[in-house]
């Protein structure tokens, strides 16, 4: 019974680790997109101002 609990805990930990990695990847992609958008907006501002 304890072995089953341990195995389940390992599976849960693995899923949590995977979710954390996915969240970090998504956050990094969002940051890169935001930086790119700001650069484009800054270029447009320079043209019109």
PDB file of N, CA and C in Angstrom:
ATOM      1  N   UNK A   1       0.819  -1.194   0.000  1.00  0.00           N
ATOM      2  CA  UNK A   1       0.000   0.000   0.000  1.00  0.00           C
ATOM      3  C   UNK A   1       0.868   1.266   0.000  1.00  0.00           C
ATOM      4  N   UNK A   2       1.894   1.291   0.823  1.00  0.00           N
ATOM      5  CA  UNK A   2       2.779   2.455   0.848  1.00  0.00           C
ATOM      6  C   UNK A   2       3.517   2.616  -0.476  1.00  0.00           C
ATOM      7  N   UNK A   3       3.839   1.497  -1.089  1.00  0.00           N
ATOM      8  CA  UNK A   3       4.518   1.552  -2.386  1.00  0.00           C
ATOM      9  C   UNK A   3       3.600   2.179  -3.436  1.00  0.00           C
ATOM     10  N   UNK A   4       2.323   1.836  -3.400  1.00  0.00           N
ATOM     11  CA  UNK A   4       1.355   2.428  -4.328  1.00  0.00           C
ATOM     12  C   UNK A   4       1.255   3.937  -4.122  1.00  0.00           C
ATOM     13  N   UNK A   5       1.226   4.348  -2.873  1.00  0.00           N
ATOM     14  CA  UNK A   5       1.152   5.779  -2.561  1.00  0.00           C
ATOM     15  C   UNK A   5       2.394   6.489  -3.072  1.00  0.00           C
ATOM     16  N   UNK A   6       3.542   5.864  -2.868  1.00  0.00           N
ATOM     17  CA  UNK A   6       4.796   6.461  -3.334  1.00  0.00           C
ATOM     18  C   UNK A   6       4.793   6.596  -4.855  1.00  0.00           C
ATOM     19  N   UNK A   7       4.338   5.562  -5.548  1.00  0.00           N
ATOM     20  CA  UNK A   7       4.285   5.605  -7.009  1.00  0.00           C
ATOM     21  C   UNK A   7       3.352   6.714  -7.489  1.00  0.00           C
ATOM     22  N   UNK A   8       2.224   6.854  -6.838  1.00  0.00           N
ATOM     23  CA  UNK A   8       1.285   7.911  -7.215  1.00  0.00           C
ATOM     24  C   UNK A   8       1.878   9.293  -6.951  1.00  0.00           C
ATOM     25  N   UNK A   9       2.574   9.427  -5.848  1.00  0.00           N
ATOM     26  CA  UNK A   9       3.209  10.711  -5.526  1.00  0.00           C
ATOM     27  C   UNK A   9       4.258  11.071  -6.576  1.00  0.00           C
ATOM     28  N   UNK A  10       5.008  10.072  -7.026  1.00  0.00           N
ATOM     29  CA  UNK A  10       6.016  10.308  -8.062  1.00  0.00           C
ATOM     30  C   UNK A  10       5.334  10.761  -9.351  1.00  0.00           C
ATOM     31  N   UNK A  11       4.219  10.125  -9.703  1.00  0.00           N
ATOM     32  CA  UNK A  11       3.482  10.523 -10.905  1.00  0.00           C
ATOM     33  C   UNK A  11       2.969  11.955 -10.784  1.00  0.00           C
ATOM     34  N   UNK A  12       2.440  12.291  -9.618  1.00  0.00           N
ATOM     35  CA  UNK A  12       1.935  13.647  -9.396  1.00  0.00           C
ATOM     36  C   UNK A  12       3.077  14.653  -9.489  1.00  0.00           C
ATOM     37  N   UNK A  13       4.202  14.338  -8.881  1.00  0.00           N
ATOM     38  CA  UNK A  13       5.358  15.238  -8.923  1.00  0.00           C
ATOM     39  C   UNK A  13       5.837  15.436 -10.355  1.00  0.00           C
ATOM     40  N   UNK A  14       5.846  14.359 -11.130  1.00  0.00           N
ATOM     41  CA  UNK A  14       6.257  14.443 -12.530  1.00  0.00           C
ATOM     42  C   UNK A  14       5.317  15.356 -13.312  1.00  0.00           C
ATOM     43  N   UNK A  15       4.024  15.214 -13.070  1.00  0.00           N
ATOM     44  CA  UNK A  15       3.052  16.072 -13.752  1.00  0.00           C
ATOM     45  C   UNK A  15       3.232  17.528 -13.347  1.00  0.00           C
ATOM     46  N   UNK A  16       3.463  17.769 -12.077  1.00  0.00           N
ATOM     47  CA  UNK A  16       3.672  19.137 -11.595  1.00  0.00           C
ATOM     48  C   UNK A  16       4.917  19.737 -12.234  1.00  0.00           C
ATOM     49  N   UNK A  17       5.989  18.960 -12.297  1.00  0.00           N
ATOM     50  CA  UNK A  17       7.220  19.441 -12.927  1.00  0.00           C
ATOM     51  C   UNK A  17       6.978  19.793 -14.393  1.00  0.00           C
ATOM     52  N   UNK A  18       6.233  18.937 -15.075  1.00  0.00           N
ATOM     53  CA  UNK A  18       5.927  19.179 -16.482  1.00  0.00           C
ATOM     54  C   UNK A  18       5.094  20.446 -16.646  1.00  0.00           C
ATOM     55  N   UNK A  19       4.119  20.632 -15.774  1.00  0.00           N
ATOM     56  CA  UNK A  19       3.282  21.829 -15.834  1.00  0.00           C
ATOM     57  C   UNK A  19       4.113  23.080 -15.577  1.00  0.00           C
ATOM     58  N   UNK A  20       5.052  22.997 -14.651  1.00  0.00           N
ATOM     59  CA  UNK A  20       5.910  24.143 -14.349  1.00  0.00           C
ATOM     60  C   UNK A  20       6.785  24.489 -15.552  1.00  0.00           C
ATOM     61  N   UNK A  21       7.314  23.472 -16.208  1.00  0.00           N
ATOM     62  CA  UNK A  21       8.135  23.710 -17.396  1.00  0.00           C
ATOM     63  C   UNK A  21       7.303  24.338 -18.511  1.00  0.00           C
ATOM     64  N   UNK A  22       6.090  23.831 -18.702  1.00  0.00           N
ATOM     65  CA  UNK A  22       5.204  24.397 -19.723  1.00  0.00           C
ATOM     66  C   UNK A  22       4.857  25.847 -19.408  1.00  0.00           C
ATOM     67  N   UNK A  23       4.600  26.129 -18.146  1.00  0.00           N
ATOM     68  CA  UNK A  23       4.261  27.497 -17.740  1.00  0.00           C
ATOM     69  C   UNK A  23       5.436  28.435 -17.978  1.00  0.00           C
ATOM     70  N   UNK A  24       6.630  27.979 -17.669  1.00  0.00           N
ATOM     71  CA  UNK A  24       7.816  28.814 -17.888  1.00  0.00           C
ATOM     72  C   UNK A  24       8.022  29.074 -19.381  1.00  0.00           C
ATOM     73  N   UNK A  25       7.832  28.046 -20.190  1.00  0.00           N
ATOM     74  CA  UNK A  25       7.982  28.203 -21.639  1.00  0.00           C
ATOM     75  C   UNK A  25       6.963  29.209 -22.172  1.00  0.00           C
ATOM     76  N   UNK A  26       5.722  29.085 -21.733  1.00  0.00           N
ATOM     77  CA  UNK A  26       4.673  30.003 -22.169  1.00  0.00           C
ATOM     78  C   UNK A  26       4.981  31.430 -21.731  1.00  0.00           C
ATOM     79  N   UNK A  27       5.459  31.584 -20.510  1.00  0.00           N
ATOM     80  CA  UNK A  27       5.804  32.916 -20.002  1.00  0.00           C
ATOM     81  C   UNK A  27       6.939  33.527 -20.815  1.00  0.00           C
ATOM     82  N   UNK A  28       7.937  32.736 -21.148  1.00  0.00           N
ATOM     83  CA  UNK A  28       9.056  33.245 -21.947  1.00  0.00           C
ATOM     84  C   UNK A  28       8.603  33.644 -23.352  1.00  0.00           C
ATOM     85  N   UNK A  29       7.696  32.853 -23.942  1.00  0.00           N
ATOM     86  CA  UNK A  29       7.168  33.197 -25.259  1.00  0.00           C
ATOM     87  C   UNK A  29       6.355  34.490 -25.194  1.00  0.00           C
ATOM     88  N   UNK A  30       5.572  34.642 -24.147  1.00  0.00           N
ATOM     89  CA  UNK A  30       4.778  35.863 -23.984  1.00  0.00           C
ATOM     90  C   UNK A  30       5.683  37.075 -23.801  1.00  0.00           C
ATOM     91  N   UNK A  31       6.743  36.920 -23.036  1.00  0.00           N
ATOM     92  CA  UNK A  31       7.686  38.017 -22.826  1.00  0.00           C
ATOM     93  C   UNK A  31       8.354  38.414 -24.140  1.00  0.00           C
ATOM     94  N   UNK A  32       8.767  37.419 -24.918  1.00  0.00           N
ATOM     95  CA  UNK A  32       9.402  37.709 -26.203  1.00  0.00           C
ATOM     96  C   UNK A  32       8.429  38.423 -27.138  1.00  0.00           C
ATOM     97  N   UNK A  33       7.193  37.980 -27.146  1.00  0.00           N
ATOM     98  CA  UNK A  33       6.177  38.614 -27.987  1.00  0.00           C
ATOM     99  C   UNK A  33       5.928  40.051 -27.554  1.00  0.00           C
ATOM    100  N   UNK A  34       5.879  40.267 -26.253  1.00  0.00           N
ATOM    101  CA  UNK A  34       5.663  41.613 -25.725  1.00  0.00           C
ATOM    102  C   UNK A  34       6.812  42.537 -26.103  1.00  0.00           C
ATOM    103  N   UNK A  35       8.029  42.049 -25.964  1.00  0.00           N
ATOM    104  CA  UNK A  35       9.193  42.864 -26.328  1.00  0.00           C
ATOM    105  C   UNK A  35       9.155  43.224 -27.810  1.00  0.00           C
ATOM    106  N   UNK A  36       8.807  42.244 -28.635  1.00  0.00           N
ATOM    107  CA  UNK A  36       8.726  42.485 -30.071  1.00  0.00           C
ATOM    108  C   UNK A  36       7.657  43.523 -30.393  1.00  0.00           C
ATOM    109  N   UNK A  37       6.525  43.408 -29.746  1.00  0.00           N
ATOM    110  CA  UNK A  37       5.433  44.369 -29.970  1.00  0.00           C
ATOM    111  C   UNK A  37       5.839  45.773 -29.554  1.00  0.00           C
ATOM    112  N   UNK A  38       6.524  45.884 -28.436  1.00  0.00           N
ATOM    113  CA  UNK A  38       6.971  47.204 -27.978  1.00  0.00           C
ATOM    114  C   UNK A  38       7.963  47.816 -28.961  1.00  0.00           C
ATOM    115  N   UNK A  39       8.841  46.998 -29.513  1.00  0.00           N
ATOM    116  CA  UNK A  39       9.793  47.513 -30.499  1.00  0.00           C
ATOM    117  C   UNK A  39       9.059  48.042 -31.729  1.00  0.00           C
ATOM    118  N   UNK A  40       8.042  47.296 -32.174  1.00  0.00           N
ATOM    119  CA  UNK A  40       7.270  47.736 -33.341  1.00  0.00           C
ATOM    120  C   UNK A  40       6.538  49.039 -33.048  1.00  0.00           C
ATOM    121  N   UNK A  41       5.939  49.129 -31.876  1.00  0.00           N
ATOM    122  CA  UNK A  41       5.227  50.355 -31.491  1.00  0.00           C
ATOM    123  C   UNK A  41       6.194  51.529 -31.417  1.00  0.00           C
ATOM    124  N   UNK A  42       7.382  51.299 -30.855  1.00  0.00           N
ATOM    125  CA  UNK A  42       8.379  52.370 -30.778  1.00  0.00           C
ATOM    126  C   UNK A  42       8.780  52.849 -32.172  1.00  0.00           C
ATOM    127  N   UNK A  43       8.923  51.930 -33.129  1.00  0.00           N
ATOM    128  CA  UNK A  43       9.266  52.319 -34.497  1.00  0.00           C
ATOM    129  C   UNK A  43       8.154  53.155 -35.117  1.00  0.00           C
ATOM    130  N   UNK A  44       6.918  52.749 -34.883  1.00  0.00           N
ATOM    131  CA  UNK A  44       5.776  53.508 -35.408  1.00  0.00           C
ATOM    132  C   UNK A  44       5.741  54.897 -34.789  1.00  0.00           C
ATOM    133  N   UNK A  45       5.984  54.985 -33.487  1.00  0.00           N
ATOM    134  CA  UNK A  45       6.010  56.286 -32.809  1.00  0.00           C
ATOM    135  C   UNK A  45       7.066  57.202 -33.415  1.00  0.00           C
ATOM    136  N   UNK A  46       8.234  56.659 -33.739  1.00  0.00           N
ATOM    137  CA  UNK A  46       9.300  57.475 -34.315  1.00  0.00           C
ATOM    138  C   UNK A  46       8.902  58.016 -35.682  1.00  0.00           C
ATOM    139  N   UNK A  47       8.133  57.238 -36.425  1.00  0.00           N
ATOM    140  CA  UNK A  47       7.701  57.673 -37.754  1.00  0.00           C
ATOM    141  C   UNK A  47       6.703  58.820 -37.651  1.00  0.00           C
ATOM    142  N   UNK A  48       5.764  58.709 -36.724  1.00  0.00           N
ATOM    143  CA  UNK A  48       4.681  59.686 -36.635  1.00  0.00           C
ATOM    144  C   UNK A  48       4.971  60.852 -35.703  1.00  0.00           C
ATOM    145  N   UNK A  49       5.982  60.752 -34.881  1.00  0.00           N
ATOM    146  CA  UNK A  49       6.261  61.845 -33.939  1.00  0.00           C
ATOM    147  C   UNK A  49       7.515  62.579 -34.277  1.00  0.00           C
TER     148      UNK A  49
END
